[in-house]
Amino acid sequence: MKSVAQMIIHGKLKNIAFLTGAGISVAAGIPDFRSPGGMYDTLRPELLTATKKQREKMATNPTAVVSWDLFKENQFPYMELRRPFILGDKGKWKPTLAHFFIKICEEKKLLKRIFTQNIDGLDYHLGVADEKIIPVHGSLGRASCEFCGALYPIDELRKQIKTKIKDIYCTDKDAPKESENILCLKCNKPGIKPSTVLYGRNLPEAFFEAKEQDLHEVDLLIVMGTSLTVGPANLVPLEVNNDCVRMVINREPVGEELGIDYGENADRDVFGKGDCDSIVLELVNELGWLDDLMKYVNDMAPKSAALLNPSQKLQSEKKRKG
């Protein structure tokens, strides 16, 4: 950690890219798929509008609910599962401390690109230039048809979902008792959904273009909160130059089967063991960037802001005033 900070401070690392996964958003209150409270843990197929065979498939493999194989047959499980997310019921979510570290890197003209595997859209609440953000798996912020690709107004989709998709979470008393198809305005098929990438579908072209354009220039790749098991995004650490430093921040080592080396003799790979916010805060302190981070404390997720202790907040406030 100290060596990476020193290389940044002394200008040896000038082009930083990030590959982020669900772990970066956990402090915002968004559980990752694999943690307690995540989709794998809480999915209840019996509540979803589906055939017996489809429910059995989801019970055996929870990722089926967000797969192309199921969606092309039956759109309701995906729409019912995602209903509160699409409607914005989770608007209380705020970016985390680790997210705002990315913003600080942009301010210091060090940020090359963010490759985010998350669909929560928190990266877009940082004030980072949109062109710097590559939503590898799409975003809940726009909608399109899975069958013909036609765009669909996201506000109209929210209205349709409010009146046509049942609420399996029992939080909306005005929700319909049964789900109804939402048809594409162009092809008239029930393929309208947020523009997130289903399992079994291709990633957006922007991902491949940005990789080709950027990765040969990156001298520090920070991988945060991802299991590095979902391709092709998990191959990003293999596509940087051989002299690029790779820092992995995660609760457990990942990517060893891809060639990431956590051994004592590792010459380019650095591992920060722990949750994203805690490890990033250590790095921020090593860099001397705490004041930069404190500017955003009121915009952070409460759990993230709580990591910044009162003495740190007071010290930073005095510096700003004085």
Protein backbone atom coordinates (compact mmCIF):
# COMPACT_ATOMS: atom_id res chain seq x y z
CA MET A 1 0.00 0.00 0.00
CA LYS A 2 2.73 2.45 0.98
CA SER A 3 4.76 1.66 -2.13
CA VAL A 4 1.77 2.33 -4.41
CA ALA A 5 1.05 5.60 -2.60
CA GLN A 6 4.67 6.70 -2.96
CA MET A 7 4.68 5.93 -6.68
CA ILE A 8 1.53 8.05 -7.12
CA ILE A 9 2.94 10.89 -5.02
CA HIS A 10 6.21 10.95 -6.99
CA GLY A 11 4.47 10.88 -10.37
CA LYS A 12 5.49 7.35 -11.35
CA LEU A 13 1.84 6.27 -11.69
CA LYS A 14 -0.13 8.81 -13.72
CA ASN A 15 -2.87 6.88 -15.52
CA ILE A 16 -5.21 5.03 -13.17
CA ALA A 17 -8.06 2.77 -14.28
CA PHE A 18 -10.59 1.07 -12.04
CA LEU A 19 -12.44 -2.23 -12.43
CA THR A 20 -15.23 -2.29 -9.85
CA GLY A 21 -17.76 -4.86 -8.76
CA ALA A 22 -20.60 -5.19 -6.27
CA GLY A 23 -18.26 -4.93 -3.28
CA ILE A 24 -17.70 -1.21 -3.82
CA SER A 25 -21.42 -0.54 -3.28
CA VAL A 26 -22.03 -2.74 -0.23
CA ALA A 27 -21.46 0.20 2.17
CA ALA A 28 -24.24 2.03 0.32
CA GLY A 29 -26.65 -0.66 1.50
CA ILE A 30 -26.65 -2.63 -1.74
CA PRO A 31 -25.72 -6.24 -0.95
CA ASP A 32 -23.67 -8.08 -3.51
CA PHE A 33 -25.07 -11.25 -5.07
CA ARG A 34 -23.02 -13.55 -2.86
CA SER A 35 -23.29 -11.85 0.54
CA PRO A 36 -26.05 -12.37 3.12
CA GLY A 37 -29.04 -10.38 1.89
CA GLY A 38 -27.89 -10.60 -1.72
CA MET A 39 -29.84 -12.13 -4.57
CA TYR A 40 -28.45 -15.64 -4.12
CA ASP A 41 -29.44 -15.57 -0.46
CA THR A 42 -32.91 -14.01 -0.70
CA LEU A 43 -34.35 -15.08 -4.07
CA ARG A 44 -37.76 -16.71 -3.60
CA PRO A 45 -38.81 -18.19 -6.96
CA GLU A 46 -42.22 -19.18 -5.58
CA LEU A 47 -43.20 -15.50 -5.48
CA LEU A 48 -42.36 -14.90 -9.14
CA THR A 49 -44.70 -15.31 -12.09
CA ALA A 50 -43.21 -18.42 -13.69
CA THR A 51 -43.86 -22.05 -14.57
CA LYS A 52 -42.92 -24.82 -12.16
CA LYS A 53 -39.95 -25.75 -14.35
CA GLN A 54 -38.72 -22.13 -14.45
CA ARG A 55 -39.00 -21.82 -10.67
CA GLU A 56 -37.02 -25.01 -10.19
CA LYS A 57 -34.33 -23.64 -12.48
CA MET A 58 -34.12 -20.38 -10.52
CA ALA A 59 -34.00 -22.27 -7.22
CA THR A 60 -31.08 -24.34 -8.49
CA ASN A 61 -29.31 -21.44 -10.22
CA PRO A 62 -30.37 -17.95 -9.02
CA THR A 63 -28.60 -16.25 -11.94
CA ALA A 64 -31.28 -17.72 -14.21
CA VAL A 65 -33.62 -14.92 -13.12
CA VAL A 66 -31.35 -12.41 -14.92
CA SER A 67 -30.52 -14.61 -17.89
CA TRP A 68 -31.43 -14.23 -21.55
CA ASP A 69 -32.57 -17.86 -21.69
CA LEU A 70 -35.35 -17.17 -19.20
CA PHE A 71 -36.15 -13.59 -20.23
CA LYS A 72 -36.86 -14.49 -23.87
CA GLU A 73 -39.44 -17.01 -22.62
CA ASN A 74 -40.82 -15.10 -19.65
CA GLN A 75 -40.08 -11.46 -18.81
CA PHE A 76 -41.94 -11.38 -15.49
CA PRO A 77 -39.32 -12.86 -13.10
CA TYR A 78 -36.76 -10.24 -14.09
CA MET A 79 -39.25 -7.36 -13.95
CA GLU A 80 -40.75 -8.44 -10.63
CA LEU A 81 -37.35 -8.92 -9.03
CA ARG A 82 -36.05 -5.56 -10.27
CA ARG A 83 -39.29 -3.59 -9.73
CA PRO A 84 -38.16 -1.43 -6.75
CA PHE A 85 -34.75 -0.78 -8.31
CA ILE A 86 -36.27 0.42 -11.59
CA LEU A 87 -38.88 2.58 -9.87
CA GLY A 88 -36.21 4.28 -7.82
CA ASP A 89 -37.49 3.06 -4.46
CA LYS A 90 -33.85 2.69 -3.52
CA GLY A 91 -33.11 6.38 -4.11
CA LYS A 92 -31.66 6.56 -0.61
CA TRP A 93 -28.48 4.94 -1.91
CA LYS A 94 -25.45 7.23 -1.99
CA PRO A 95 -21.94 6.64 -3.35
CA THR A 96 -19.42 5.19 -0.93
CA LEU A 97 -16.06 6.41 0.29
CA ALA A 98 -14.40 4.15 -2.28
CA HIS A 99 -16.51 5.73 -5.03
CA PHE A 100 -15.38 9.22 -4.03
CA PHE A 101 -11.74 8.12 -4.19
CA ILE A 102 -12.34 7.70 -7.92
CA LYS A 103 -13.67 11.27 -8.07
CA ILE A 104 -10.53 12.55 -6.34
CA CYS A 105 -8.37 10.73 -8.87
CA GLU A 106 -10.24 12.56 -11.63
CA GLU A 107 -9.73 15.91 -9.89
CA LYS A 108 -6.02 15.22 -9.76
CA LYS A 109 -6.05 14.33 -13.47
CA LEU A 110 -5.06 10.74 -12.77
CA LEU A 111 -8.24 8.96 -13.82
CA LYS A 112 -8.12 7.16 -17.15
CA ARG A 113 -11.34 5.15 -16.98
CA ILE A 114 -13.82 3.35 -14.70
CA PHE A 115 -14.97 -0.06 -15.84
CA THR A 116 -17.89 -0.76 -13.52
CA GLN A 117 -19.68 -4.09 -13.48
CA ASN A 118 -22.44 -2.58 -11.34
CA ILE A 119 -25.82 -1.48 -12.65
CA ASP A 120 -26.69 0.70 -9.63
CA GLY A 121 -25.56 3.92 -11.35
CA LEU A 122 -23.73 5.28 -8.28
CA ASP A 123 -20.71 6.19 -10.42
CA TYR A 124 -22.89 8.74 -12.19
CA HIS A 125 -23.53 10.55 -8.87
CA LEU A 126 -19.87 11.44 -8.39
CA GLY A 127 -19.66 14.29 -10.88
CA VAL A 128 -17.13 12.30 -12.91
CA ALA A 129 -17.33 13.00 -16.65
CA ASP A 130 -19.74 10.48 -18.22
CA GLU A 131 -17.23 9.52 -20.91
CA LYS A 132 -14.88 8.25 -18.19
CA ILE A 133 -17.47 5.70 -17.03
CA ILE A 134 -17.98 2.40 -18.84
CA PRO A 135 -21.02 0.53 -17.45
CA VAL A 136 -19.83 -2.94 -18.44
CA HIS A 137 -23.14 -4.60 -17.63
CA GLY A 138 -25.37 -1.70 -18.57
CA SER A 139 -27.36 0.67 -16.37
CA LEU A 140 -30.78 1.01 -14.80
CA GLY A 141 -30.86 4.58 -16.08
CA ARG A 142 -32.06 3.79 -19.62
CA ALA A 143 -34.38 1.27 -21.24
CA SER A 144 -34.55 -0.68 -24.50
CA CYS A 145 -36.07 -3.76 -26.10
CA GLU A 146 -34.14 -7.01 -25.79
CA PHE A 147 -35.66 -8.30 -29.03
CA CYS A 148 -35.18 -5.42 -31.48
CA GLY A 149 -32.90 -3.00 -29.59
CA ALA A 150 -35.27 -0.03 -29.86
CA LEU A 151 -34.90 2.55 -27.09
CA TYR A 152 -37.82 3.12 -24.74
CA PRO A 153 -38.39 6.22 -22.54
CA ILE A 154 -37.21 5.28 -19.04
CA ASP A 155 -39.86 7.46 -17.36
CA GLU A 156 -42.57 5.72 -19.38
CA LEU A 157 -41.16 2.33 -18.39
CA ARG A 158 -41.39 3.32 -14.73
CA LYS A 159 -45.03 4.31 -15.21
CA GLN A 160 -45.78 1.01 -16.93
CA ILE A 161 -44.02 -1.01 -14.24
CA LYS A 162 -45.94 0.83 -11.52
CA THR A 163 -49.25 -0.24 -13.03
CA LYS A 164 -48.41 -3.54 -14.76
CA ILE A 165 -45.81 -5.40 -12.66
CA LYS A 166 -46.78 -6.94 -9.32
CA ASP A 167 -44.86 -6.14 -6.14
CA ILE A 168 -43.33 -9.29 -4.64
CA TYR A 169 -41.89 -7.19 -1.80
CA CYS A 170 -45.34 -6.07 -0.54
CA THR A 171 -44.35 -2.42 -0.17
CA ASP A 172 -46.68 -0.87 -2.77
CA LYS A 173 -50.37 -1.19 -1.91
CA ASP A 174 -51.34 0.19 -5.34
CA ALA A 175 -49.40 -2.45 -7.30
CA PRO A 176 -51.41 -4.86 -9.49
CA LYS A 177 -52.10 -8.36 -8.18
CA GLU A 178 -50.89 -9.96 -11.42
CA SER A 179 -48.19 -8.88 -13.87
CA GLU A 180 -48.96 -7.77 -17.42
CA ASN A 181 -46.67 -7.54 -20.45
CA ILE A 182 -45.03 -4.24 -21.38
CA LEU A 183 -44.78 -4.13 -25.16
CA CYS A 184 -42.13 -2.53 -27.34
CA LEU A 185 -43.41 0.43 -29.34
CA LYS A 186 -41.49 -0.77 -32.40
CA CYS A 187 -41.71 -4.59 -32.59
CA ASN A 188 -44.69 -5.04 -30.26
CA LYS A 189 -42.90 -7.81 -28.32
CA PRO A 190 -42.62 -7.87 -24.50
CA GLY A 191 -38.90 -7.18 -24.46
CA ILE A 192 -38.76 -3.80 -22.72
CA LYS A 193 -36.45 -3.62 -19.70
CA PRO A 194 -33.67 -1.44 -18.34
CA SER A 195 -30.56 -1.57 -20.52
CA THR A 196 -28.71 -3.97 -18.26
CA VAL A 197 -26.85 -6.95 -19.71
CA LEU A 198 -28.49 -10.31 -19.14
CA TYR A 199 -26.40 -13.43 -18.64
CA GLY A 200 -25.86 -14.91 -22.09
CA ARG A 201 -25.95 -11.56 -23.94
CA ASN A 202 -23.08 -9.53 -25.41
CA LEU A 203 -21.52 -6.64 -23.55
CA PRO A 204 -21.82 -3.11 -24.98
CA GLU A 205 -19.38 -2.13 -27.74
CA ALA A 206 -18.20 0.81 -25.64
CA PHE A 207 -16.54 -1.66 -23.25
CA PHE A 208 -14.43 -3.25 -25.97
CA GLU A 209 -13.60 0.11 -27.56
CA ALA A 210 -12.47 1.61 -24.24
CA LYS A 211 -10.32 -1.44 -23.45
CA GLU A 212 -8.61 -1.17 -26.83
CA GLN A 213 -8.09 2.56 -26.44
CA ASP A 214 -7.02 2.77 -22.79
CA LEU A 215 -5.45 -0.30 -21.30
CA HIS A 216 -2.05 0.00 -22.97
CA GLU A 217 -1.66 3.44 -21.34
CA VAL A 218 -2.73 2.44 -17.82
CA ASP A 219 0.10 2.21 -15.28
CA LEU A 220 -2.09 1.44 -12.23
CA LEU A 221 -5.18 -0.77 -12.35
CA ILE A 222 -7.22 -0.82 -9.13
CA VAL A 223 -9.61 -3.77 -8.93
CA MET A 224 -12.23 -3.28 -6.21
CA GLY A 225 -14.96 -5.51 -4.88
CA THR A 226 -15.20 -8.04 -7.69
CA SER A 227 -14.80 -11.81 -7.68
CA LEU A 228 -13.12 -11.69 -11.11
CA THR A 229 -15.19 -14.69 -12.19
CA VAL A 230 -17.50 -13.08 -14.78
CA GLY A 231 -16.04 -12.72 -18.25
CA PRO A 232 -15.00 -10.95 -20.27
CA ALA A 233 -14.68 -8.14 -17.70
CA ASN A 234 -12.49 -10.38 -15.54
CA LEU A 235 -9.87 -10.37 -18.30
CA VAL A 236 -9.17 -6.63 -17.92
CA PRO A 237 -6.26 -7.29 -15.48
CA LEU A 238 -4.66 -9.48 -18.15
CA GLU A 239 -4.89 -6.82 -20.85
CA VAL A 240 -2.85 -4.09 -19.21
CA ASN A 241 0.87 -3.85 -19.97
CA ASN A 242 3.28 -6.16 -18.14
CA ASP A 243 4.71 -3.28 -16.14
CA CYS A 244 1.30 -2.00 -14.99
CA VAL A 245 0.81 -2.21 -11.22
CA ARG A 246 -2.34 -4.15 -10.29
CA MET A 247 -3.90 -3.43 -6.89
CA VAL A 248 -6.72 -5.75 -5.81
CA ILE A 249 -8.97 -4.62 -2.95
CA ASN A 250 -11.28 -7.38 -1.75
CA ARG A 251 -12.23 -9.42 1.29
CA GLU A 252 -10.40 -12.42 -0.09
CA PRO A 253 -7.78 -12.97 -2.80
CA VAL A 254 -9.27 -13.25 -6.29
CA GLY A 255 -7.90 -13.77 -9.77
CA GLU A 256 -5.09 -16.14 -8.88
CA GLU A 257 -6.24 -18.50 -11.61
CA LEU A 258 -5.85 -15.57 -14.01
CA GLY A 259 -2.21 -15.09 -13.05
CA ILE A 260 -2.52 -12.45 -10.33
CA ASP A 261 0.29 -13.17 -7.87
CA TYR A 262 -0.11 -12.47 -4.15
CA GLY A 263 3.13 -14.21 -3.17
CA GLU A 264 6.05 -12.64 -1.33
CA ASN A 265 7.98 -12.28 -4.57
CA ALA A 266 5.18 -10.54 -6.47
CA ASP A 267 6.65 -7.60 -8.37
CA ARG A 268 3.52 -5.88 -9.71
CA ASP A 269 0.49 -7.17 -7.80
CA VAL A 270 -0.63 -5.67 -4.49
CA PHE A 271 -3.45 -7.03 -2.31
CA GLY A 272 -5.51 -4.97 0.11
CA LYS A 273 -7.47 -7.43 2.24
CA GLY A 274 -10.73 -6.05 3.61
CA ASP A 275 -13.80 -4.14 2.56
CA CYS A 276 -13.35 -1.48 -0.12
CA ASP A 277 -13.97 1.58 2.05
CA SER A 278 -11.53 0.59 4.81
CA ILE A 279 -8.68 -0.27 2.46
CA VAL A 280 -9.24 2.83 0.30
CA LEU A 281 -9.20 4.98 3.45
CA GLU A 282 -5.78 3.51 4.30
CA LEU A 283 -4.57 4.43 0.82
CA VAL A 284 -6.05 7.93 1.10
CA ASN A 285 -4.17 8.49 4.35
CA GLU A 286 -0.93 7.25 2.80
CA LEU A 287 -1.45 9.68 -0.08
CA GLY A 288 -2.29 12.60 2.20
CA TRP A 289 -5.62 13.08 0.46
CA LEU A 290 -7.88 13.05 3.52
CA ASP A 291 -8.88 16.68 3.08
CA ASP A 292 -9.88 15.98 -0.51
CA LEU A 293 -12.07 13.12 0.69
CA MET A 294 -13.64 15.10 3.53
CA LYS A 295 -15.17 17.52 1.02
CA TYR A 296 -17.61 14.77 0.10
CA VAL A 297 -18.44 13.39 3.53
CA ASN A 298 -22.00 14.75 3.45
CA ASP A 299 -22.60 13.20 0.02
CA MET A 300 -21.45 9.73 1.07
CA ALA A 301 -23.42 6.74 2.20
CA PRO A 302 -23.85 7.03 6.01
CA LYS A 303 -21.85 3.87 6.65
CA SER A 304 -18.95 5.31 4.63
CA ALA A 305 -19.11 8.68 6.35
CA ALA A 306 -19.00 6.94 9.74
CA LEU A 307 -15.50 5.64 8.93
CA LEU A 308 -14.21 9.19 8.99
CA ASN A 309 -13.90 9.70 12.74
CA PRO A 310 -14.82 13.00 14.45
CA SER A 311 -11.19 14.04 14.98
CA GLN A 312 -10.46 13.57 11.27
CA LYS A 313 -13.54 15.59 10.36
CA LEU A 314 -12.64 18.37 12.81
CA GLN A 315 -9.03 18.53 11.65
CA SER A 316 -10.09 18.71 8.01
CA GLU A 317 -12.72 21.37 8.75
CA LYS A 318 -10.20 23.56 10.58
CA LYS A 319 -7.81 23.34 7.62
CA ARG A 320 -10.53 24.37 5.19
CA LYS A 321 -11.56 27.34 7.35
CA GLY A 322 -8.15 28.38 8.19
